Amino acid sequence: KSNQNHIELLNKLWSSLRPNIQRNSDHDPLNSIVSISWSDIGFQGKDPSTDFRGMGMLGLHQLVYFSETKPEVAKSILDTSNDPKRYFPFAATGIN
C-alpha cells in the first residue's frame, strides 16, 4: 500500500502544514502512515494513501511542493478549510 518514499513525502507534508505538532499514531509516526490525525489536514481516513487513487504520487508531490514553497499560504488555506462554515477537505481537494 505504501513505500518508504511515500511515507517520507507524507511526513514532509505533515511537517510543513503542522510544524511542531506530532501526529497521533498507534505506531511509530515516522515509519507508519496510519493515524487519525490525517483528517486534521484534510485526508478522508486514517490511511492517507487511499486518497491518492486517481493522482497517485503526482498529487502528493504537488501538495508537498505547495506546502514547502508557500507555507504561509498553504497554512492559511488549511485554516480556512477547517472553518465550520466553509469546511472542505484540504488534502483531498488539493489532490483532485
N, C-alpha and C. Protein backbone atom coordinates (compact mmCIF):
# COMPACT_ATOMS: atom_id res chain seq x y z
N LYS A 1 0.82 -1.19 0.00
CA LYS A 1 0.00 0.00 0.00
C LYS A 1 0.86 1.25 0.00
N SER A 2 1.94 1.22 0.70
CA SER A 2 2.81 2.40 0.72
C SER A 2 4.26 1.93 0.68
N ASN A 3 5.13 2.86 0.38
CA ASN A 3 6.55 2.56 0.41
C ASN A 3 7.25 3.65 1.19
N GLN A 4 8.53 3.50 1.41
CA GLN A 4 9.26 4.45 2.24
C GLN A 4 9.25 5.86 1.65
N ASN A 5 9.34 6.00 0.33
CA ASN A 5 9.29 7.31 -0.30
C ASN A 5 7.94 7.99 -0.05
N HIS A 6 6.89 7.22 -0.15
CA HIS A 6 5.54 7.71 0.11
C HIS A 6 5.44 8.21 1.55
N ILE A 7 5.94 7.42 2.49
CA ILE A 7 5.91 7.79 3.91
C ILE A 7 6.71 9.06 4.15
N GLU A 8 7.90 9.16 3.54
CA GLU A 8 8.73 10.36 3.71
C GLU A 8 8.02 11.60 3.18
N LEU A 9 7.37 11.49 2.03
CA LEU A 9 6.65 12.63 1.47
C LEU A 9 5.46 13.02 2.35
N LEU A 10 4.74 12.04 2.85
CA LEU A 10 3.62 12.34 3.75
C LEU A 10 4.11 13.02 5.02
N ASN A 11 5.24 12.55 5.55
CA ASN A 11 5.81 13.18 6.75
C ASN A 11 6.24 14.63 6.46
N LYS A 12 6.79 14.88 5.26
CA LYS A 12 7.15 16.24 4.87
C LYS A 12 5.92 17.13 4.80
N LEU A 13 4.85 16.59 4.22
CA LEU A 13 3.61 17.35 4.12
C LEU A 13 3.09 17.69 5.50
N TRP A 14 3.06 16.70 6.39
CA TRP A 14 2.59 16.94 7.75
C TRP A 14 3.46 18.02 8.43
N SER A 15 4.77 17.89 8.32
CA SER A 15 5.68 18.84 8.98
C SER A 15 5.53 20.25 8.43
N SER A 16 5.25 20.38 7.14
CA SER A 16 5.07 21.70 6.54
C SER A 16 3.79 22.37 7.01
N LEU A 17 2.73 21.56 7.13
CA LEU A 17 1.44 22.12 7.49
C LEU A 17 1.19 22.19 8.98
N ARG A 18 1.80 21.30 9.72
CA ARG A 18 1.62 21.24 11.17
C ARG A 18 2.96 21.16 11.89
N PRO A 19 3.81 22.20 11.70
CA PRO A 19 5.12 22.16 12.37
C PRO A 19 4.94 22.11 13.89
N ASN A 20 5.77 21.35 14.52
CA ASN A 20 5.77 21.21 15.98
C ASN A 20 4.55 20.49 16.54
N ILE A 21 3.76 19.85 15.68
CA ILE A 21 2.63 19.05 16.14
C ILE A 21 2.84 17.62 15.67
N GLN A 22 2.90 16.71 16.62
CA GLN A 22 3.12 15.30 16.28
C GLN A 22 1.79 14.63 15.98
N ARG A 23 1.77 13.80 14.94
CA ARG A 23 0.57 13.03 14.63
C ARG A 23 0.31 12.01 15.71
N ASN A 24 -0.96 11.78 16.02
CA ASN A 24 -1.35 10.68 16.90
C ASN A 24 -1.24 9.41 16.11
N SER A 25 -0.60 8.41 16.68
CA SER A 25 -0.41 7.16 15.97
C SER A 25 -0.28 6.01 16.95
N ASP A 26 -0.85 4.89 16.58
CA ASP A 26 -0.67 3.68 17.37
C ASP A 26 0.69 3.06 17.11
N HIS A 27 1.35 3.53 16.04
CA HIS A 27 2.63 3.00 15.61
C HIS A 27 3.66 4.12 15.63
N ASP A 28 4.85 3.84 15.24
CA ASP A 28 5.90 4.84 15.12
C ASP A 28 5.48 5.86 14.07
N PRO A 29 5.25 7.15 14.44
CA PRO A 29 4.74 8.12 13.48
C PRO A 29 5.69 8.42 12.32
N LEU A 30 6.96 8.13 12.45
CA LEU A 30 7.89 8.37 11.36
C LEU A 30 7.92 7.25 10.35
N ASN A 31 7.46 6.06 10.74
CA ASN A 31 7.53 4.91 9.84
C ASN A 31 6.19 4.29 9.53
N SER A 32 5.12 4.85 10.04
CA SER A 32 3.79 4.36 9.76
C SER A 32 2.92 5.54 9.36
N ILE A 33 2.09 5.35 8.36
CA ILE A 33 1.25 6.45 7.94
C ILE A 33 -0.16 6.37 8.52
N VAL A 34 -0.52 5.29 9.17
CA VAL A 34 -1.86 5.14 9.69
C VAL A 34 -2.02 5.97 10.96
N SER A 35 -2.96 6.94 10.90
CA SER A 35 -3.20 7.83 12.04
C SER A 35 -4.50 8.59 11.83
N ILE A 36 -5.27 8.73 12.88
CA ILE A 36 -6.49 9.53 12.83
C ILE A 36 -6.17 11.01 12.57
N SER A 37 -4.96 11.44 12.86
CA SER A 37 -4.57 12.84 12.71
C SER A 37 -4.60 13.34 11.28
N TRP A 38 -4.54 12.45 10.29
CA TRP A 38 -4.53 12.89 8.90
C TRP A 38 -5.77 13.69 8.55
N SER A 39 -6.86 13.45 9.23
CA SER A 39 -8.08 14.22 8.94
C SER A 39 -7.88 15.70 9.29
N ASP A 40 -6.93 16.02 10.16
CA ASP A 40 -6.65 17.42 10.52
C ASP A 40 -6.17 18.24 9.33
N ILE A 41 -5.57 17.57 8.35
CA ILE A 41 -5.10 18.30 7.17
C ILE A 41 -5.90 17.91 5.92
N GLY A 42 -7.05 17.28 6.13
CA GLY A 42 -7.98 17.06 5.03
C GLY A 42 -7.93 15.75 4.29
N PHE A 43 -7.30 14.73 4.90
CA PHE A 43 -7.41 13.40 4.31
C PHE A 43 -8.70 12.78 4.81
N GLN A 44 -9.23 11.82 4.08
CA GLN A 44 -10.55 11.30 4.37
C GLN A 44 -10.57 10.13 5.35
N GLY A 45 -9.43 9.57 5.67
CA GLY A 45 -9.40 8.45 6.59
C GLY A 45 -8.07 8.37 7.32
N LYS A 46 -7.89 7.28 8.05
CA LYS A 46 -6.67 7.07 8.83
C LYS A 46 -5.45 6.77 7.97
N ASP A 47 -5.68 6.26 6.77
CA ASP A 47 -4.59 5.91 5.86
C ASP A 47 -4.66 6.84 4.65
N PRO A 48 -3.81 7.87 4.62
CA PRO A 48 -3.90 8.86 3.54
C PRO A 48 -3.60 8.29 2.16
N SER A 49 -2.94 7.15 2.09
CA SER A 49 -2.62 6.59 0.77
C SER A 49 -3.88 6.24 -0.02
N THR A 50 -5.00 6.02 0.67
CA THR A 50 -6.24 5.69 -0.04
C THR A 50 -6.82 6.88 -0.79
N ASP A 51 -6.39 8.10 -0.46
CA ASP A 51 -6.90 9.31 -1.14
C ASP A 51 -6.19 9.59 -2.46
N PHE A 52 -5.16 8.84 -2.77
CA PHE A 52 -4.37 9.09 -3.96
C PHE A 52 -4.73 8.18 -5.13
N ARG A 53 -5.91 7.65 -5.14
CA ARG A 53 -6.32 6.70 -6.18
C ARG A 53 -6.08 7.24 -7.58
N GLY A 54 -6.63 8.40 -7.90
CA GLY A 54 -6.55 8.92 -9.26
C GLY A 54 -5.23 9.60 -9.59
N MET A 55 -4.68 10.34 -8.66
CA MET A 55 -3.48 11.14 -8.93
C MET A 55 -2.18 10.44 -8.55
N GLY A 56 -2.24 9.46 -7.73
CA GLY A 56 -1.03 8.76 -7.33
C GLY A 56 0.00 9.69 -6.70
N MET A 57 1.26 9.41 -6.95
CA MET A 57 2.35 10.18 -6.34
C MET A 57 2.39 11.62 -6.83
N LEU A 58 1.89 11.90 -8.01
CA LEU A 58 1.89 13.28 -8.51
C LEU A 58 1.11 14.19 -7.58
N GLY A 59 -0.05 13.74 -7.13
CA GLY A 59 -0.85 14.54 -6.19
C GLY A 59 -0.11 14.83 -4.91
N LEU A 60 0.60 13.83 -4.39
CA LEU A 60 1.38 14.02 -3.16
C LEU A 60 2.54 14.98 -3.39
N HIS A 61 3.24 14.82 -4.49
CA HIS A 61 4.34 15.73 -4.80
C HIS A 61 3.84 17.17 -4.92
N GLN A 62 2.68 17.36 -5.52
CA GLN A 62 2.13 18.71 -5.66
C GLN A 62 1.78 19.32 -4.30
N LEU A 63 1.17 18.54 -3.43
CA LEU A 63 0.84 19.04 -2.09
C LEU A 63 2.10 19.40 -1.30
N VAL A 64 3.11 18.55 -1.37
CA VAL A 64 4.36 18.81 -0.66
C VAL A 64 5.03 20.06 -1.22
N TYR A 65 5.09 20.17 -2.54
CA TYR A 65 5.70 21.34 -3.17
C TYR A 65 4.99 22.62 -2.72
N PHE A 66 3.68 22.63 -2.79
CA PHE A 66 2.90 23.80 -2.39
C PHE A 66 3.15 24.15 -0.92
N SER A 67 3.10 23.15 -0.05
CA SER A 67 3.25 23.42 1.38
C SER A 67 4.67 23.84 1.76
N GLU A 68 5.66 23.44 0.97
CA GLU A 68 7.05 23.82 1.28
C GLU A 68 7.44 25.15 0.64
N THR A 69 6.89 25.46 -0.53
CA THR A 69 7.29 26.70 -1.21
C THR A 69 6.40 27.88 -0.84
N LYS A 70 5.20 27.61 -0.40
CA LYS A 70 4.25 28.66 0.01
C LYS A 70 3.63 28.29 1.35
N PRO A 71 4.46 28.11 2.39
CA PRO A 71 3.93 27.58 3.64
C PRO A 71 2.85 28.45 4.29
N GLU A 72 3.02 29.75 4.23
CA GLU A 72 2.01 30.62 4.87
C GLU A 72 0.68 30.56 4.12
N VAL A 73 0.74 30.54 2.81
CA VAL A 73 -0.49 30.44 2.01
C VAL A 73 -1.15 29.09 2.26
N ALA A 74 -0.36 28.02 2.25
CA ALA A 74 -0.89 26.68 2.47
C ALA A 74 -1.55 26.58 3.85
N LYS A 75 -0.89 27.10 4.88
CA LYS A 75 -1.47 27.06 6.23
C LYS A 75 -2.73 27.89 6.32
N SER A 76 -2.77 29.03 5.64
CA SER A 76 -3.96 29.87 5.63
C SER A 76 -5.14 29.15 4.98
N ILE A 77 -4.88 28.49 3.85
CA ILE A 77 -5.94 27.74 3.18
C ILE A 77 -6.37 26.56 4.05
N LEU A 78 -5.42 25.91 4.70
CA LEU A 78 -5.77 24.81 5.61
C LEU A 78 -6.66 25.31 6.73
N ASP A 79 -6.32 26.45 7.32
CA ASP A 79 -7.16 27.02 8.38
C ASP A 79 -8.57 27.30 7.87
N THR A 80 -8.66 27.89 6.69
CA THR A 80 -9.96 28.17 6.09
C THR A 80 -10.74 26.87 5.85
N SER A 81 -10.04 25.83 5.42
CA SER A 81 -10.71 24.56 5.13
C SER A 81 -11.31 23.93 6.38
N ASN A 82 -10.78 24.26 7.54
CA ASN A 82 -11.28 23.69 8.79
C ASN A 82 -12.33 24.57 9.46
N ASP A 83 -12.68 25.70 8.86
CA ASP A 83 -13.73 26.56 9.39
C ASP A 83 -15.07 25.84 9.27
N PRO A 84 -15.85 25.75 10.33
CA PRO A 84 -17.11 25.01 10.28
C PRO A 84 -18.08 25.50 9.19
N LYS A 85 -18.04 26.78 8.87
CA LYS A 85 -18.96 27.31 7.85
C LYS A 85 -18.46 27.11 6.43
N ARG A 86 -17.15 26.88 6.26
CA ARG A 86 -16.58 26.76 4.92
C ARG A 86 -15.82 25.46 4.72
N TYR A 87 -16.08 24.45 5.53
CA TYR A 87 -15.27 23.23 5.52
C TYR A 87 -15.12 22.61 4.12
N PHE A 88 -13.90 22.23 3.82
CA PHE A 88 -13.60 21.37 2.68
C PHE A 88 -12.34 20.60 3.05
N PRO A 89 -12.19 19.37 2.56
CA PRO A 89 -11.01 18.57 2.92
C PRO A 89 -9.77 19.06 2.15
N PHE A 90 -8.91 19.80 2.81
CA PHE A 90 -7.74 20.43 2.18
C PHE A 90 -6.95 19.46 1.32
N ALA A 91 -6.48 18.37 1.90
CA ALA A 91 -5.62 17.44 1.16
C ALA A 91 -6.38 16.79 0.01
N ALA A 92 -7.58 16.31 0.26
CA ALA A 92 -8.35 15.66 -0.80
C ALA A 92 -8.66 16.65 -1.93
N THR A 93 -8.95 17.89 -1.59
CA THR A 93 -9.22 18.91 -2.59
C THR A 93 -7.95 19.20 -3.39
N GLY A 94 -6.81 19.28 -2.70
CA GLY A 94 -5.54 19.54 -3.38
C GLY A 94 -5.10 18.41 -4.30
N ILE A 95 -5.49 17.21 -3.97
CA ILE A 95 -5.14 16.05 -4.79
C ILE A 95 -5.97 16.02 -6.06
N ASN A 96 -7.24 16.31 -5.91
CA ASN A 96 -8.17 16.20 -7.03
C ASN A 96 -8.38 17.53 -7.70
